[in-house]
N, C-alpha and C. Protein backbone atom coordinates (compact mmCIF):
# COMPACT_ATOMS: atom_id res chain seq x y z
N MET A 1 1.34 30.26 -4.09
CA MET A 1 2.72 30.34 -3.69
C MET A 1 3.59 30.25 -4.93
N ARG A 2 4.50 31.16 -5.07
CA ARG A 2 5.39 31.17 -6.21
C ARG A 2 6.62 30.33 -5.91
N MET A 3 6.92 29.37 -6.79
CA MET A 3 8.09 28.50 -6.61
C MET A 3 9.25 29.08 -7.41
N ASN A 4 10.42 28.97 -6.85
CA ASN A 4 11.62 29.37 -7.58
C ASN A 4 12.72 28.36 -7.32
N ALA A 5 13.85 28.55 -7.94
CA ALA A 5 14.94 27.57 -7.86
C ALA A 5 15.55 27.48 -6.47
N VAL A 6 15.31 28.45 -5.60
CA VAL A 6 15.91 28.46 -4.27
C VAL A 6 14.84 28.29 -3.19
N SER A 7 13.80 27.54 -3.48
CA SER A 7 12.69 27.35 -2.56
C SER A 7 13.13 26.50 -1.36
N PRO A 8 12.74 26.90 -0.14
CA PRO A 8 13.06 26.10 1.04
C PRO A 8 12.11 24.91 1.21
N VAL A 9 11.11 24.80 0.37
CA VAL A 9 10.13 23.72 0.46
C VAL A 9 10.68 22.48 -0.25
N THR A 10 10.53 21.32 0.39
CA THR A 10 10.98 20.06 -0.17
C THR A 10 9.81 19.10 -0.23
N SER A 11 9.67 18.38 -1.33
CA SER A 11 8.62 17.38 -1.44
C SER A 11 8.95 16.18 -0.57
N VAL A 12 7.92 15.59 0.03
CA VAL A 12 8.09 14.40 0.86
C VAL A 12 7.01 13.40 0.49
N ASN A 13 7.40 12.17 0.25
CA ASN A 13 6.45 11.10 -0.03
C ASN A 13 6.87 9.92 0.83
N GLU A 14 6.36 9.87 2.05
CA GLU A 14 6.65 8.80 2.99
C GLU A 14 5.33 8.31 3.57
N VAL A 15 5.17 6.99 3.63
CA VAL A 15 3.93 6.41 4.15
C VAL A 15 4.30 5.36 5.19
N LYS A 16 3.58 5.38 6.30
CA LYS A 16 3.71 4.34 7.33
C LYS A 16 2.31 3.87 7.66
N VAL A 17 2.08 2.58 7.52
CA VAL A 17 0.76 1.99 7.77
C VAL A 17 0.92 0.89 8.81
N VAL A 18 0.10 0.93 9.85
CA VAL A 18 0.07 -0.12 10.87
C VAL A 18 -1.34 -0.66 10.91
N GLY A 19 -1.47 -1.96 10.71
CA GLY A 19 -2.79 -2.58 10.71
C GLY A 19 -2.67 -4.08 10.54
N ARG A 20 -3.78 -4.69 10.13
CA ARG A 20 -3.82 -6.15 9.98
C ARG A 20 -3.62 -6.53 8.51
N LEU A 21 -2.83 -7.56 8.28
CA LEU A 21 -2.61 -8.06 6.93
C LEU A 21 -3.92 -8.56 6.35
N GLY A 22 -4.24 -8.14 5.13
CA GLY A 22 -5.48 -8.52 4.49
C GLY A 22 -5.56 -10.01 4.19
N SER A 23 -6.69 -10.43 3.67
CA SER A 23 -6.97 -11.85 3.49
C SER A 23 -6.21 -12.51 2.35
N HIS A 24 -5.65 -11.72 1.44
CA HIS A 24 -4.97 -12.33 0.30
C HIS A 24 -3.64 -11.64 0.02
N VAL A 25 -2.59 -12.43 -0.04
CA VAL A 25 -1.28 -11.95 -0.48
C VAL A 25 -0.97 -12.74 -1.75
N GLY A 26 -0.80 -12.05 -2.86
CA GLY A 26 -0.59 -12.74 -4.12
C GLY A 26 0.56 -12.17 -4.92
N VAL A 27 0.85 -12.82 -6.01
CA VAL A 27 1.91 -12.38 -6.92
C VAL A 27 1.26 -12.01 -8.24
N LYS A 28 1.67 -10.89 -8.79
CA LYS A 28 1.17 -10.44 -10.09
C LYS A 28 2.36 -10.30 -11.02
N VAL A 29 2.21 -10.84 -12.24
CA VAL A 29 3.25 -10.71 -13.25
C VAL A 29 2.90 -9.53 -14.15
N LEU A 30 3.80 -8.57 -14.23
CA LEU A 30 3.59 -7.39 -15.06
C LEU A 30 3.90 -7.69 -16.52
N PRO A 31 3.41 -6.86 -17.44
CA PRO A 31 3.71 -7.09 -18.87
C PRO A 31 5.21 -7.18 -19.16
N SER A 32 6.03 -6.53 -18.33
CA SER A 32 7.48 -6.58 -18.51
C SER A 32 8.06 -7.93 -18.10
N GLY A 33 7.26 -8.75 -17.40
CA GLY A 33 7.75 -10.03 -16.88
C GLY A 33 8.17 -9.93 -15.42
N ASP A 34 8.29 -8.72 -14.90
CA ASP A 34 8.62 -8.54 -13.49
C ASP A 34 7.46 -9.01 -12.63
N GLU A 35 7.78 -9.48 -11.43
CA GLU A 35 6.75 -9.92 -10.50
C GLU A 35 6.67 -8.95 -9.33
N ILE A 36 5.45 -8.66 -8.89
CA ILE A 36 5.25 -7.87 -7.69
C ILE A 36 4.33 -8.65 -6.75
N THR A 37 4.51 -8.42 -5.47
CA THR A 37 3.62 -9.00 -4.48
C THR A 37 2.55 -7.97 -4.17
N VAL A 38 1.30 -8.37 -4.24
CA VAL A 38 0.18 -7.47 -3.97
C VAL A 38 -0.52 -7.94 -2.70
N PHE A 39 -0.87 -6.99 -1.85
CA PHE A 39 -1.52 -7.32 -0.58
C PHE A 39 -2.23 -6.08 -0.08
N SER A 40 -2.92 -6.23 1.03
CA SER A 40 -3.60 -5.08 1.62
C SER A 40 -3.37 -5.09 3.12
N ILE A 41 -3.49 -3.90 3.69
CA ILE A 41 -3.43 -3.74 5.14
C ILE A 41 -4.74 -3.08 5.55
N VAL A 42 -5.40 -3.68 6.53
CA VAL A 42 -6.68 -3.19 7.01
C VAL A 42 -6.44 -2.36 8.27
N VAL A 43 -6.93 -1.11 8.25
CA VAL A 43 -6.76 -0.21 9.39
C VAL A 43 -8.14 0.26 9.88
N ASP A 44 -8.27 0.38 11.19
CA ASP A 44 -9.50 0.91 11.77
C ASP A 44 -9.50 2.43 11.65
N ARG A 45 -10.66 2.97 11.34
CA ARG A 45 -10.82 4.43 11.37
C ARG A 45 -10.92 4.85 12.84
N PRO A 46 -10.46 6.05 13.16
CA PRO A 46 -10.47 6.46 14.57
C PRO A 46 -11.86 6.67 15.15
N ALA A 47 -12.86 7.00 14.35
CA ALA A 47 -14.20 7.27 14.87
C ALA A 47 -15.15 6.13 14.51
N ARG A 48 -16.05 5.83 15.41
CA ARG A 48 -17.08 4.82 15.15
C ARG A 48 -18.26 5.50 14.46
N ASP A 49 -19.06 4.68 13.73
CA ASP A 49 -20.24 5.25 13.08
C ASP A 49 -21.37 5.39 14.11
N VAL A 50 -22.54 5.84 13.69
CA VAL A 50 -23.65 6.11 14.61
C VAL A 50 -24.14 4.87 15.34
N ARG A 51 -23.89 3.69 14.80
CA ARG A 51 -24.29 2.44 15.46
C ARG A 51 -23.21 1.92 16.40
N GLY A 52 -22.10 2.64 16.50
CA GLY A 52 -21.01 2.20 17.37
C GLY A 52 -20.08 1.20 16.71
N THR A 53 -20.25 0.98 15.41
CA THR A 53 -19.43 0.03 14.67
C THR A 53 -18.12 0.69 14.22
N THR A 54 -17.03 -0.01 14.40
CA THR A 54 -15.76 0.51 13.92
C THR A 54 -15.70 0.34 12.42
N ARG A 55 -15.42 1.42 11.71
CA ARG A 55 -15.27 1.36 10.26
C ARG A 55 -13.81 1.12 9.94
N ILE A 56 -13.57 0.57 8.77
CA ILE A 56 -12.20 0.23 8.38
C ILE A 56 -11.88 0.83 7.01
N ASP A 57 -10.61 0.92 6.74
CA ASP A 57 -10.10 1.23 5.41
C ASP A 57 -9.15 0.11 5.02
N THR A 58 -9.21 -0.28 3.76
CA THR A 58 -8.31 -1.30 3.23
C THR A 58 -7.32 -0.59 2.32
N ILE A 59 -6.05 -0.64 2.70
CA ILE A 59 -4.99 0.08 1.99
C ILE A 59 -4.30 -0.88 1.03
N ALA A 60 -4.35 -0.57 -0.26
CA ALA A 60 -3.69 -1.39 -1.28
C ALA A 60 -2.18 -1.19 -1.21
N CYS A 61 -1.45 -2.30 -1.23
CA CYS A 61 0.01 -2.26 -1.12
C CYS A 61 0.64 -3.19 -2.15
N VAL A 62 1.86 -2.86 -2.57
CA VAL A 62 2.64 -3.71 -3.45
C VAL A 62 4.10 -3.64 -3.02
N THR A 63 4.86 -4.66 -3.40
CA THR A 63 6.31 -4.59 -3.26
C THR A 63 6.94 -5.40 -4.38
N SER A 64 8.03 -4.89 -4.90
CA SER A 64 8.78 -5.63 -5.91
C SER A 64 9.99 -6.30 -5.27
N ARG A 65 10.15 -6.14 -3.98
CA ARG A 65 11.29 -6.73 -3.26
C ARG A 65 10.98 -8.19 -2.94
N THR A 66 11.77 -9.07 -3.52
CA THR A 66 11.54 -10.51 -3.42
C THR A 66 11.48 -11.01 -1.99
N GLN A 67 12.41 -10.58 -1.15
CA GLN A 67 12.43 -11.05 0.24
C GLN A 67 11.20 -10.59 1.01
N LEU A 68 10.77 -9.36 0.78
CA LEU A 68 9.56 -8.89 1.46
C LEU A 68 8.34 -9.68 1.01
N GLY A 69 8.26 -9.95 -0.28
CA GLY A 69 7.14 -10.73 -0.80
C GLY A 69 7.08 -12.11 -0.19
N ALA A 70 8.23 -12.77 -0.08
CA ALA A 70 8.28 -14.11 0.51
C ALA A 70 7.86 -14.06 1.98
N ARG A 71 8.32 -13.06 2.70
CA ARG A 71 7.94 -12.91 4.12
C ARG A 71 6.43 -12.70 4.25
N LEU A 72 5.88 -11.82 3.44
CA LEU A 72 4.44 -11.54 3.49
C LEU A 72 3.62 -12.79 3.18
N ARG A 73 4.05 -13.57 2.19
CA ARG A 73 3.30 -14.77 1.83
C ARG A 73 3.35 -15.84 2.91
N SER A 74 4.32 -15.76 3.81
CA SER A 74 4.43 -16.76 4.88
C SER A 74 3.57 -16.38 6.10
N TRP A 75 3.06 -15.16 6.14
CA TRP A 75 2.27 -14.71 7.28
C TRP A 75 0.79 -14.99 7.07
N GLU A 76 0.10 -15.22 8.17
CA GLU A 76 -1.34 -15.47 8.15
C GLU A 76 -2.10 -14.15 8.01
N PRO A 77 -3.23 -14.16 7.30
CA PRO A 77 -4.08 -12.98 7.27
C PRO A 77 -4.49 -12.58 8.68
N GLY A 78 -4.59 -11.30 8.93
CA GLY A 78 -4.97 -10.80 10.25
C GLY A 78 -3.79 -10.46 11.14
N ARG A 79 -2.60 -10.88 10.74
CA ARG A 79 -1.40 -10.57 11.53
C ARG A 79 -1.16 -9.07 11.52
N TRP A 80 -0.82 -8.51 12.67
CA TRP A 80 -0.52 -7.09 12.75
C TRP A 80 0.84 -6.82 12.12
N VAL A 81 0.87 -5.81 11.24
CA VAL A 81 2.10 -5.46 10.54
C VAL A 81 2.29 -3.94 10.51
N GLU A 82 3.53 -3.56 10.34
CA GLU A 82 3.88 -2.16 10.10
C GLU A 82 4.62 -2.12 8.79
N ALA A 83 4.15 -1.29 7.87
CA ALA A 83 4.77 -1.19 6.55
C ALA A 83 5.18 0.26 6.31
N GLU A 84 6.33 0.44 5.67
CA GLU A 84 6.80 1.77 5.31
C GLU A 84 7.12 1.77 3.83
N GLY A 85 6.79 2.87 3.17
CA GLY A 85 7.06 2.97 1.75
C GLY A 85 6.69 4.34 1.21
N VAL A 86 6.31 4.36 -0.05
CA VAL A 86 5.92 5.61 -0.71
C VAL A 86 4.58 5.40 -1.42
N LEU A 87 3.84 6.48 -1.58
CA LEU A 87 2.55 6.42 -2.26
C LEU A 87 2.77 6.56 -3.76
N ARG A 88 2.18 5.67 -4.53
CA ARG A 88 2.30 5.68 -5.99
C ARG A 88 0.92 5.64 -6.61
N ARG A 89 0.80 6.20 -7.80
CA ARG A 89 -0.41 6.07 -8.59
C ARG A 89 -0.08 5.22 -9.80
N ARG A 90 -0.81 4.11 -9.94
CA ARG A 90 -0.56 3.17 -11.03
C ARG A 90 -1.65 3.33 -12.07
N PHE A 91 -1.27 3.28 -13.33
CA PHE A 91 -2.20 3.42 -14.46
C PHE A 91 -2.22 2.12 -15.27
N TRP A 92 -3.36 1.81 -15.89
CA TRP A 92 -3.47 0.66 -16.78
C TRP A 92 -4.56 0.95 -17.80
N LYS A 93 -4.54 0.19 -18.88
CA LYS A 93 -5.58 0.32 -19.89
C LYS A 93 -6.82 -0.41 -19.41
N ALA A 94 -7.94 0.30 -19.43
CA ALA A 94 -9.22 -0.28 -19.03
C ALA A 94 -10.14 -0.25 -20.25
N GLY A 95 -11.27 -0.92 -20.17
CA GLY A 95 -12.21 -1.04 -21.28
C GLY A 95 -12.29 0.16 -22.20
N GLY A 96 -12.69 1.32 -21.68
CA GLY A 96 -12.87 2.48 -22.53
C GLY A 96 -11.82 3.56 -22.37
N GLY A 97 -10.71 3.27 -21.71
CA GLY A 97 -9.70 4.30 -21.50
C GLY A 97 -8.65 3.83 -20.52
N LEU A 98 -8.33 4.71 -19.58
CA LEU A 98 -7.32 4.40 -18.58
C LEU A 98 -7.96 4.20 -17.22
N GLY A 99 -7.42 3.28 -16.45
CA GLY A 99 -7.79 3.11 -15.06
C GLY A 99 -6.60 3.50 -14.21
N SER A 100 -6.84 3.85 -12.96
CA SER A 100 -5.74 4.18 -12.08
C SER A 100 -6.11 3.87 -10.64
N ALA A 101 -5.10 3.73 -9.81
CA ALA A 101 -5.31 3.48 -8.39
C ALA A 101 -4.09 3.97 -7.63
N MET A 102 -4.33 4.39 -6.39
CA MET A 102 -3.24 4.75 -5.49
C MET A 102 -2.91 3.52 -4.66
N GLU A 103 -1.61 3.30 -4.44
CA GLU A 103 -1.18 2.17 -3.62
C GLU A 103 0.14 2.52 -2.95
N VAL A 104 0.42 1.82 -1.87
CA VAL A 104 1.68 2.02 -1.16
C VAL A 104 2.71 1.06 -1.75
N ASP A 105 3.81 1.62 -2.23
CA ASP A 105 4.95 0.82 -2.71
C ASP A 105 5.82 0.58 -1.48
N VAL A 106 5.71 -0.62 -0.91
CA VAL A 106 6.31 -0.93 0.39
C VAL A 106 7.79 -1.25 0.23
N ARG A 107 8.60 -0.62 1.08
CA ARG A 107 10.05 -0.82 1.09
C ARG A 107 10.50 -1.64 2.30
N ARG A 108 9.72 -1.52 3.42
CA ARG A 108 10.03 -2.26 4.65
C ARG A 108 8.73 -2.73 5.27
N VAL A 109 8.77 -3.93 5.85
CA VAL A 109 7.59 -4.44 6.56
C VAL A 109 8.08 -5.29 7.72
N ARG A 110 7.34 -5.22 8.82
CA ARG A 110 7.68 -6.05 9.99
C ARG A 110 6.41 -6.40 10.73
N ALA A 111 6.44 -7.51 11.43
CA ALA A 111 5.32 -7.91 12.28
C ALA A 111 5.38 -7.08 13.56
N VAL A 112 4.22 -6.68 14.06
CA VAL A 112 4.17 -5.92 15.32
C VAL A 112 3.26 -6.61 16.31
């Protein structure tokens, strides 16, 4: 597809995750001194495996919003939550080069 300055196509980066709050909600201090809250949301996959076991995915999430971080830290693991945000790829220096990971940068979260 050829892109031009008058393209009707618009990029969209919106994520909505509904699942259970993971077992650990923590705070990470970045090299800049900024703090982010790191947590995960566990979601069931729609299909069971051959043994009938429900498989899960653990979605990595972060937020730099202080109020959201405080709210998340007050909740018990396993609580059902709905989070909305954007998908980000984070890079860092690893032993022999660069490491990276995809995570949801959460802008809103609520208990469901």
